[in-house]
Amino acid sequence: MKSLGSYLLFIGNLFTRMEVFNIYVKRTIDEAVKIGINSLTLVAIVSTFIGMVSTVQTAANLVSAFIPRSVVSLVVRDMTILELAPTITSIVLAGKVGSNIAGELGTMRISEQIDALEVMGINSASYLILPKVLGAMLMFPLLVIVAGFLSLYGGYLVGTALNVVTGQEFVAGLRTEFQQYSVFMALVKSVVFAFLISTISAYQGFFTRGGALEVGQASTTAVTNSCIAVLISDYVVAQFLLTLMSNG
């Protein structure tokens, strides 16, 4: 509970004694480019192969002649949009983006750069961390969209190449009973995951004490806690949005 309270106070500190708006715009754009461009290749590789594996395994389990082969892409579509694209992508990004944020801030802390900012009267938490949080919340949804598209495209390629399903059947399955609310759920999840990963990682790095060994430990702790937070929030957000949809 002490750590949770400290984390919540840390979040509140991000929005106090803020700098000029233009500074945040520039720094947020820089952080968004760093997070998005540097993570694009990794997200593309992971999502494409996840789509391929999902298609092959789904087709292998559809052994009944009474089930149309278009069901393969329908199942892959729902798995990808609702779970694989937002959750798996965010867990992968927790390892890359989260460890980078924690390591960068931890290094700044032990080298006394953060203390120097405080001496100059700058709210170092707001100045350094808020642009990272905003940049992550901007780029995670875009990366999830890319991941979802490449996952489905990878499934299409391997399905047609192995003659598991024809191109027409795959597209027909994608269109069958498609619900736009699923895309909305995926994007909401990605924003929540981005906030949790960036703030938890920043918290671990910002309060690092010691030397280089402690920076590595902070990065490891940041990734571990971020992954746990993503999985817990995945259930909470999904339950909330499904309840909202049923009541609406």
C-alpha atoms as a PDB file:
ATOM      1  CA  MET A   1       0.000   0.000   0.000  1.00  0.00           C
ATOM      2  CA  LYS A   2       2.916   2.322   0.690  1.00  0.00           C
ATOM      3  CA  SER A   3       4.242   1.800  -2.839  1.00  0.00           C
ATOM      4  CA  LEU A   4       0.759   2.341  -4.314  1.00  0.00           C
ATOM      5  CA  GLY A   5       0.328   5.575  -2.397  1.00  0.00           C
ATOM      6  CA  SER A   6       3.765   6.772  -3.465  1.00  0.00           C
ATOM      7  CA  TYR A   7       2.923   5.909  -7.078  1.00  0.00           C
ATOM      8  CA  LEU A   8      -0.362   7.854  -6.946  1.00  0.00           C
ATOM      9  CA  LEU A   9       1.369  10.887  -5.434  1.00  0.00           C
ATOM     10  CA  PHE A  10       3.972  10.599  -8.177  1.00  0.00           C
ATOM     11  CA  ILE A  11       1.201  10.677 -10.823  1.00  0.00           C
ATOM     12  CA  GLY A  12      -0.295  13.779  -9.232  1.00  0.00           C
ATOM     13  CA  ASN A  13       3.107  15.468  -9.202  1.00  0.00           C
ATOM     14  CA  LEU A  14       3.272  15.210 -13.000  1.00  0.00           C
ATOM     15  CA  PHE A  15       0.577  17.885 -13.293  1.00  0.00           C
ATOM     16  CA  THR A  16       1.964  20.425 -10.816  1.00  0.00           C
ATOM     17  CA  ARG A  17       4.359  23.319 -11.530  1.00  0.00           C
ATOM     18  CA  MET A  18       4.150  22.646 -15.232  1.00  0.00           C
ATOM     19  CA  GLU A  19       6.314  24.385 -17.810  1.00  0.00           C
ATOM     20  CA  VAL A  20       5.222  26.383 -20.877  1.00  0.00           C
ATOM     21  CA  PHE A  21       2.822  24.455 -23.130  1.00  0.00           C
ATOM     22  CA  ASN A  22       5.087  24.680 -26.194  1.00  0.00           C
ATOM     23  CA  ILE A  23       7.847  22.834 -24.368  1.00  0.00           C
ATOM     24  CA  TYR A  24       5.567  19.861 -23.761  1.00  0.00           C
ATOM     25  CA  VAL A  25       4.418  19.820 -27.377  1.00  0.00           C
ATOM     26  CA  LYS A  26       7.965  19.583 -28.709  1.00  0.00           C
ATOM     27  CA  ARG A  27       9.097  17.016 -26.152  1.00  0.00           C
ATOM     28  CA  THR A  28       5.941  14.927 -26.619  1.00  0.00           C
ATOM     29  CA  ILE A  29       6.498  14.774 -30.388  1.00  0.00           C
ATOM     30  CA  ASP A  30      10.117  13.718 -29.836  1.00  0.00           C
ATOM     31  CA  GLU A  31       9.082  10.985 -27.405  1.00  0.00           C
ATOM     32  CA  ALA A  32       6.270   9.804 -29.692  1.00  0.00           C
ATOM     33  CA  VAL A  33       8.668   9.469 -32.624  1.00  0.00           C
ATOM     34  CA  LYS A  34      11.170   7.616 -30.434  1.00  0.00           C
ATOM     35  CA  ILE A  35       8.542   5.213 -29.096  1.00  0.00           C
ATOM     36  CA  GLY A  36       6.716   4.674 -32.383  1.00  0.00           C
ATOM     37  CA  ILE A  37       9.498   4.466 -34.963  1.00  0.00           C
ATOM     38  CA  ASN A  38      11.910   2.497 -32.787  1.00  0.00           C
ATOM     39  CA  SER A  39       9.241  -0.069 -31.897  1.00  0.00           C
ATOM     40  CA  LEU A  40       7.675  -0.488 -35.333  1.00  0.00           C
ATOM     41  CA  THR A  41       9.966  -3.265 -36.591  1.00  0.00           C
ATOM     42  CA  LEU A  42       9.587  -5.343 -33.439  1.00  0.00           C
ATOM     43  CA  VAL A  43       5.790  -4.941 -33.419  1.00  0.00           C
ATOM     44  CA  ALA A  44       5.600  -5.853 -37.114  1.00  0.00           C
ATOM     45  CA  ILE A  45       7.606  -9.056 -36.709  1.00  0.00           C
ATOM     46  CA  VAL A  46       5.768 -10.233 -33.594  1.00  0.00           C
ATOM     47  CA  SER A  47       2.262  -9.454 -34.871  1.00  0.00           C
ATOM     48  CA  THR A  48       2.813 -10.998 -38.309  1.00  0.00           C
ATOM     49  CA  PHE A  49       4.001 -14.312 -36.915  1.00  0.00           C
ATOM     50  CA  ILE A  50       1.258 -14.346 -34.271  1.00  0.00           C
ATOM     51  CA  GLY A  51      -1.300 -14.024 -37.079  1.00  0.00           C
ATOM     52  CA  MET A  52       0.361 -16.835 -39.025  1.00  0.00           C
ATOM     53  CA  VAL A  53       0.456 -19.184 -36.036  1.00  0.00           C
ATOM     54  CA  SER A  54      -3.138 -18.362 -35.037  1.00  0.00           C
ATOM     55  CA  THR A  55      -4.383 -19.147 -38.547  1.00  0.00           C
ATOM     56  CA  VAL A  56      -2.519 -22.448 -38.829  1.00  0.00           C
ATOM     57  CA  GLN A  57      -3.555 -23.684 -35.382  1.00  0.00           C
ATOM     58  CA  THR A  58      -7.177 -22.592 -35.775  1.00  0.00           C
ATOM     59  CA  ALA A  59      -7.421 -24.369 -39.121  1.00  0.00           C
ATOM     60  CA  ALA A  60      -5.835 -27.521 -37.669  1.00  0.00           C
ATOM     61  CA  ASN A  61      -8.578 -27.734 -35.039  1.00  0.00           C
ATOM     62  CA  LEU A  62     -11.478 -27.249 -37.463  1.00  0.00           C
ATOM     63  CA  VAL A  63     -11.806 -30.883 -38.496  1.00  0.00           C
ATOM     64  CA  SER A  64     -15.556 -30.965 -39.069  1.00  0.00           C
ATOM     65  CA  ALA A  65     -16.796 -30.866 -42.637  1.00  0.00           C
ATOM     66  CA  PHE A  66     -19.884 -28.983 -41.456  1.00  0.00           C
ATOM     67  CA  ILE A  67     -17.860 -25.940 -40.383  1.00  0.00           C
ATOM     68  CA  PRO A  68     -17.102 -23.522 -43.244  1.00  0.00           C
ATOM     69  CA  ARG A  69     -13.449 -22.666 -43.682  1.00  0.00           C
ATOM     70  CA  SER A  70     -14.246 -18.959 -43.442  1.00  0.00           C
ATOM     71  CA  VAL A  71     -14.628 -19.530 -39.692  1.00  0.00           C
ATOM     72  CA  VAL A  72     -10.814 -19.666 -39.532  1.00  0.00           C
ATOM     73  CA  SER A  73     -10.420 -15.977 -40.336  1.00  0.00           C
ATOM     74  CA  LEU A  74     -13.433 -15.076 -38.174  1.00  0.00           C
ATOM     75  CA  VAL A  75     -11.784 -16.672 -35.122  1.00  0.00           C
ATOM     76  CA  VAL A  76      -8.404 -15.134 -35.937  1.00  0.00           C
ATOM     77  CA  ARG A  77     -10.043 -11.729 -36.414  1.00  0.00           C
ATOM     78  CA  ASP A  78     -11.768 -11.756 -33.044  1.00  0.00           C
ATOM     79  CA  MET A  79      -8.694 -13.064 -31.214  1.00  0.00           C
ATOM     80  CA  THR A  80      -6.500 -10.479 -32.864  1.00  0.00           C
ATOM     81  CA  ILE A  81      -8.680  -7.413 -32.363  1.00  0.00           C
ATOM     82  CA  LEU A  82      -9.911  -8.178 -28.862  1.00  0.00           C
ATOM     83  CA  GLU A  83      -6.818  -9.661 -27.270  1.00  0.00           C
ATOM     84  CA  LEU A  84      -3.696 -10.432 -29.281  1.00  0.00           C
ATOM     85  CA  ALA A  85      -3.118  -7.038 -30.904  1.00  0.00           C
ATOM     86  CA  PRO A  86      -3.604  -4.780 -27.840  1.00  0.00           C
ATOM     87  CA  THR A  87      -2.402  -7.082 -25.060  1.00  0.00           C
ATOM     88  CA  ILE A  88       0.505  -8.961 -26.637  1.00  0.00           C
ATOM     89  CA  THR A  89       1.746  -5.804 -28.353  1.00  0.00           C
ATOM     90  CA  SER A  90       1.645  -3.903 -25.065  1.00  0.00           C
ATOM     91  CA  ILE A  91       3.501  -6.674 -23.224  1.00  0.00           C
ATOM     92  CA  VAL A  92       6.180  -6.624 -25.918  1.00  0.00           C
ATOM     93  CA  LEU A  93       6.369  -2.837 -25.656  1.00  0.00           C
ATOM     94  CA  ALA A  94       6.603  -3.087 -21.867  1.00  0.00           C
ATOM     95  CA  GLY A  95       9.871  -4.919 -22.368  1.00  0.00           C
ATOM     96  CA  LYS A  96      11.226  -2.428 -24.870  1.00  0.00           C
ATOM     97  CA  VAL A  97       9.705   0.952 -24.047  1.00  0.00           C
ATOM     98  CA  GLY A  98       9.298   0.342 -20.314  1.00  0.00           C
ATOM     99  CA  SER A  99      12.875  -0.770 -19.742  1.00  0.00           C
ATOM    100  CA  ASN A 100      14.138   2.141 -21.839  1.00  0.00           C
ATOM    101  CA  ILE A 101      12.177   4.695 -19.802  1.00  0.00           C
ATOM    102  CA  ALA A 102      13.265   3.195 -16.478  1.00  0.00           C
ATOM    103  CA  GLY A 103      16.897   2.926 -17.576  1.00  0.00           C
ATOM    104  CA  GLU A 104      17.025   6.470 -18.924  1.00  0.00           C
ATOM    105  CA  LEU A 105      15.505   8.058 -15.821  1.00  0.00           C
ATOM    106  CA  GLY A 106      17.531   5.826 -13.502  1.00  0.00           C
ATOM    107  CA  THR A 107      20.740   6.904 -15.201  1.00  0.00           C
ATOM    108  CA  MET A 108      19.714  10.550 -14.926  1.00  0.00           C
ATOM    109  CA  ARG A 109      18.978  10.060 -11.230  1.00  0.00           C
ATOM    110  CA  ILE A 110      22.284   8.454 -10.273  1.00  0.00           C
ATOM    111  CA  SER A 111      24.223  10.966 -12.403  1.00  0.00           C
ATOM    112  CA  GLU A 112      22.405  13.777 -10.517  1.00  0.00           C
ATOM    113  CA  GLN A 113      20.887  15.309 -13.651  1.00  0.00           C
ATOM    114  CA  ILE A 114      17.412  15.178 -12.069  1.00  0.00           C
ATOM    115  CA  ASP A 115      18.750  16.869  -8.921  1.00  0.00           C
ATOM    116  CA  ALA A 116      20.216  19.635 -11.112  1.00  0.00           C
ATOM    117  CA  LEU A 117      16.792  20.276 -12.657  1.00  0.00           C
ATOM    118  CA  GLU A 118      15.233  20.516  -9.198  1.00  0.00           C
ATOM    119  CA  VAL A 119      17.886  23.002  -8.092  1.00  0.00           C
ATOM    120  CA  MET A 120      16.959  25.198 -11.069  1.00  0.00           C
ATOM    121  CA  GLY A 121      13.343  25.213  -9.877  1.00  0.00           C
ATOM    122  CA  ILE A 122      12.026  22.881 -12.578  1.00  0.00           C
ATOM    123  CA  ASN A 123       9.544  20.141 -11.695  1.00  0.00           C
ATOM    124  CA  SER A 124      11.694  17.324 -13.061  1.00  0.00           C
ATOM    125  CA  ALA A 125       8.848  14.767 -12.872  1.00  0.00           C
ATOM    126  CA  SER A 126       6.582  16.880 -15.051  1.00  0.00           C
ATOM    127  CA  TYR A 127       9.317  18.045 -17.416  1.00  0.00           C
ATOM    128  CA  LEU A 128      10.889  14.640 -18.022  1.00  0.00           C
ATOM    129  CA  ILE A 129       8.052  12.160 -17.599  1.00  0.00           C
ATOM    130  CA  LEU A 130       4.813  13.785 -18.769  1.00  0.00           C
ATOM    131  CA  PRO A 131       5.998  13.956 -22.433  1.00  0.00           C
ATOM    132  CA  LYS A 132       6.906  10.256 -22.262  1.00  0.00           C
ATOM    133  CA  VAL A 133       3.446   9.378 -20.940  1.00  0.00           C
ATOM    134  CA  LEU A 134       1.675  11.490 -23.569  1.00  0.00           C
ATOM    135  CA  GLY A 135       3.918  10.144 -26.331  1.00  0.00           C
ATOM    136  CA  ALA A 136       3.164   6.556 -25.302  1.00  0.00           C
ATOM    137  CA  MET A 137      -0.583   7.221 -25.162  1.00  0.00           C
ATOM    138  CA  LEU A 138      -0.423   8.682 -28.676  1.00  0.00           C
ATOM    139  CA  MET A 139       1.673   5.916 -30.249  1.00  0.00           C
ATOM    140  CA  PHE A 140       0.396   2.735 -28.576  1.00  0.00           C
ATOM    141  CA  PRO A 141      -3.018   2.885 -30.332  1.00  0.00           C
ATOM    142  CA  LEU A 142      -1.288   3.427 -33.680  1.00  0.00           C
ATOM    143  CA  LEU A 143       1.070   0.515 -33.052  1.00  0.00           C
ATOM    144  CA  VAL A 144      -1.892  -1.676 -32.064  1.00  0.00           C
ATOM    145  CA  ILE A 145      -3.651  -0.787 -35.322  1.00  0.00           C
ATOM    146  CA  VAL A 146      -0.519  -1.731 -37.268  1.00  0.00           C
ATOM    147  CA  ALA A 147      -0.203  -4.942 -35.239  1.00  0.00           C
ATOM    148  CA  GLY A 148      -3.822  -5.907 -35.903  1.00  0.00           C
ATOM    149  CA  PHE A 149      -3.511  -5.288 -39.634  1.00  0.00           C
ATOM    150  CA  LEU A 150      -0.234  -7.190 -39.993  1.00  0.00           C
ATOM    151  CA  SER A 151      -1.527 -10.061 -37.875  1.00  0.00           C
ATOM    152  CA  LEU A 152      -4.559 -10.506 -40.121  1.00  0.00           C
ATOM    153  CA  TYR A 153      -2.461 -10.039 -43.238  1.00  0.00           C
ATOM    154  CA  GLY A 154       0.035 -12.612 -42.009  1.00  0.00           C
ATOM    155  CA  GLY A 155      -2.843 -15.016 -41.418  1.00  0.00           C
ATOM    156  CA  TYR A 156      -4.126 -14.339 -44.920  1.00  0.00           C
ATOM    157  CA  LEU A 157      -0.734 -15.019 -46.490  1.00  0.00           C
ATOM    158  CA  VAL A 158      -0.069 -18.275 -44.675  1.00  0.00           C
ATOM    159  CA  GLY A 159      -3.673 -19.454 -45.050  1.00  0.00           C
ATOM    160  CA  THR A 160      -3.686 -19.006 -48.805  1.00  0.00           C
ATOM    161  CA  ALA A 161      -0.101 -20.248 -49.233  1.00  0.00           C
ATOM    162  CA  LEU A 162      -0.804 -23.518 -47.405  1.00  0.00           C
ATOM    163  CA  ASN A 163      -4.241 -23.846 -49.026  1.00  0.00           C
ATOM    164  CA  VAL A 164      -5.848 -23.831 -45.594  1.00  0.00           C
ATOM    165  CA  VAL A 165      -8.384 -21.278 -46.783  1.00  0.00           C
ATOM    166  CA  THR A 166      -8.883 -19.403 -50.018  1.00  0.00           C
ATOM    167  CA  GLY A 167      -8.521 -15.636 -50.224  1.00  0.00           C
ATOM    168  CA  GLN A 168     -12.258 -15.193 -50.770  1.00  0.00           C
ATOM    169  CA  GLU A 169     -13.110 -17.382 -47.771  1.00  0.00           C
ATOM    170  CA  PHE A 170     -10.639 -15.515 -45.568  1.00  0.00           C
ATOM    171  CA  VAL A 171     -12.078 -12.111 -46.498  1.00  0.00           C
ATOM    172  CA  ALA A 172     -15.621 -13.423 -46.070  1.00  0.00           C
ATOM    173  CA  GLY A 173     -14.753 -14.592 -42.566  1.00  0.00           C
ATOM    174  CA  LEU A 174     -13.300 -11.203 -41.710  1.00  0.00           C
ATOM    175  CA  ARG A 175     -16.552  -9.519 -42.715  1.00  0.00           C
ATOM    176  CA  THR A 176     -18.882 -11.982 -40.982  1.00  0.00           C
ATOM    177  CA  GLU A 177     -20.686 -10.410 -38.007  1.00  0.00           C
ATOM    178  CA  PHE A 178     -17.996  -7.766 -37.599  1.00  0.00           C
ATOM    179  CA  GLN A 179     -18.562  -5.466 -34.619  1.00  0.00           C
ATOM    180  CA  GLN A 180     -16.967  -2.023 -34.689  1.00  0.00           C
ATOM    181  CA  TYR A 181     -17.147  -1.912 -30.895  1.00  0.00           C
ATOM    182  CA  SER A 182     -14.363  -4.498 -30.800  1.00  0.00           C
ATOM    183  CA  VAL A 183     -11.988  -2.016 -32.425  1.00  0.00           C
ATOM    184  CA  PHE A 184     -13.049   0.630 -29.914  1.00  0.00           C
ATOM    185  CA  MET A 185     -12.296  -1.794 -27.066  1.00  0.00           C
ATOM    186  CA  ALA A 186      -8.845  -2.537 -28.473  1.00  0.00           C
ATOM    187  CA  LEU A 187      -7.977   1.161 -28.749  1.00  0.00           C
ATOM    188  CA  VAL A 188      -9.226   1.945 -25.240  1.00  0.00           C
ATOM    189  CA  LYS A 189      -7.136  -0.934 -23.896  1.00  0.00           C
ATOM    190  CA  SER A 190      -4.054   0.339 -25.716  1.00  0.00           C
ATOM    191  CA  VAL A 191      -4.397   3.820 -24.194  1.00  0.00           C
ATOM    192  CA  VAL A 192      -4.794   2.379 -20.685  1.00  0.00           C
ATOM    193  CA  PHE A 193      -1.840   0.039 -21.190  1.00  0.00           C
ATOM    194  CA  ALA A 194       0.297   2.911 -22.493  1.00  0.00           C
ATOM    195  CA  PHE A 195      -0.450   4.996 -19.416  1.00  0.00           C
ATOM    196  CA  LEU A 196       0.314   2.151 -17.017  1.00  0.00           C
ATOM    197  CA  ILE A 197       3.525   1.049 -18.727  1.00  0.00           C
ATOM    198  CA  SER A 198       4.956   4.558 -19.076  1.00  0.00           C
ATOM    199  CA  THR A 199       4.071   5.724 -15.560  1.00  0.00           C
ATOM    200  CA  ILE A 200       5.138   2.522 -13.773  1.00  0.00           C
ATOM    201  CA  SER A 201       8.437   2.441 -15.651  1.00  0.00           C
ATOM    202  CA  ALA A 202       9.016   6.143 -15.006  1.00  0.00           C
ATOM    203  CA  TYR A 203       8.234   5.660 -11.314  1.00  0.00           C
ATOM    204  CA  GLN A 204      10.787   2.869 -10.999  1.00  0.00           C
ATOM    205  CA  GLY A 205      13.471   4.839 -12.828  1.00  0.00           C
ATOM    206  CA  PHE A 206      12.768   8.183 -11.163  1.00  0.00           C
ATOM    207  CA  PHE A 207      13.269   6.844  -7.634  1.00  0.00           C
ATOM    208  CA  THR A 208      16.338   4.753  -8.399  1.00  0.00           C
ATOM    209  CA  ARG A 209      19.037   4.963  -5.735  1.00  0.00           C
ATOM    210  CA  GLY A 210      22.560   3.593  -5.922  1.00  0.00           C
ATOM    211  CA  GLY A 211      24.592   2.912  -9.030  1.00  0.00           C
ATOM    212  CA  ALA A 212      24.553   1.061 -12.329  1.00  0.00           C
ATOM    213  CA  LEU A 213      23.433  -2.202 -10.696  1.00  0.00           C
ATOM    214  CA  GLU A 214      20.342  -0.521  -9.248  1.00  0.00           C
ATOM    215  CA  VAL A 215      19.496   0.967 -12.654  1.00  0.00           C
ATOM    216  CA  GLY A 216      19.385  -2.543 -14.118  1.00  0.00           C
ATOM    217  CA  GLN A 217      17.252  -3.752 -11.224  1.00  0.00           C
ATOM    218  CA  ALA A 218      14.877  -0.814 -11.701  1.00  0.00           C
ATOM    219  CA  SER A 219      14.476  -1.677 -15.394  1.00  0.00           C
ATOM    220  CA  THR A 220      13.727  -5.311 -14.557  1.00  0.00           C
ATOM    221  CA  THR A 221      11.217  -4.344 -11.880  1.00  0.00           C
ATOM    222  CA  ALA A 222       9.589  -1.852 -14.249  1.00  0.00           C
ATOM    223  CA  VAL A 223       9.041  -4.503 -16.943  1.00  0.00           C
ATOM    224  CA  THR A 224       7.728  -7.056 -14.427  1.00  0.00           C
ATOM    225  CA  ASN A 225       5.291  -4.660 -12.762  1.00  0.00           C
ATOM    226  CA  SER A 226       4.165  -3.257 -16.119  1.00  0.00           C
ATOM    227  CA  CYS A 227       3.328  -6.725 -17.458  1.00  0.00           C
ATOM    228  CA  ILE A 228       1.342  -7.566 -14.312  1.00  0.00           C
ATOM    229  CA  ALA A 229      -0.504  -4.231 -14.518  1.00  0.00           C
ATOM    230  CA  VAL A 230      -1.327  -4.830 -18.201  1.00  0.00           C
ATOM    231  CA  LEU A 231      -2.815  -8.263 -17.503  1.00  0.00           C
ATOM    232  CA  ILE A 232      -4.880  -7.064 -14.536  1.00  0.00           C
ATOM    233  CA  SER A 233      -6.132  -3.960 -16.335  1.00  0.00           C
ATOM    234  CA  ASP A 234      -6.915  -6.073 -19.403  1.00  0.00           C
ATOM    235  CA  TYR A 235      -9.559  -7.933 -17.428  1.00  0.00           C
ATOM    236  CA  VAL A 236     -10.856  -4.816 -15.648  1.00  0.00           C
ATOM    237  CA  VAL A 237     -11.178  -2.739 -18.828  1.00  0.00           C
ATOM    238  CA  ALA A 238     -12.727  -5.614 -20.812  1.00  0.00           C
ATOM    239  CA  GLN A 239     -15.295  -6.273 -18.083  1.00  0.00           C
ATOM    240  CA  PHE A 240     -16.129  -2.572 -17.815  1.00  0.00           C
ATOM    241  CA  LEU A 241     -16.531  -2.051 -21.564  1.00  0.00           C
ATOM    242  CA  LEU A 242     -18.597  -5.229 -22.027  1.00  0.00           C
ATOM    243  CA  THR A 243     -20.877  -4.172 -19.180  1.00  0.00           C
ATOM    244  CA  LEU A 244     -21.162  -0.731 -20.729  1.00  0.00           C
ATOM    245  CA  MET A 245     -22.047  -2.251 -24.105  1.00  0.00           C
ATOM    246  CA  SER A 246     -24.700  -4.568 -22.644  1.00  0.00           C
ATOM    247  CA  ASN A 247     -26.297  -1.724 -20.687  1.00  0.00           C
ATOM    248  CA  GLY A 248     -26.180   0.598 -23.694  1.00  0.00           C
END
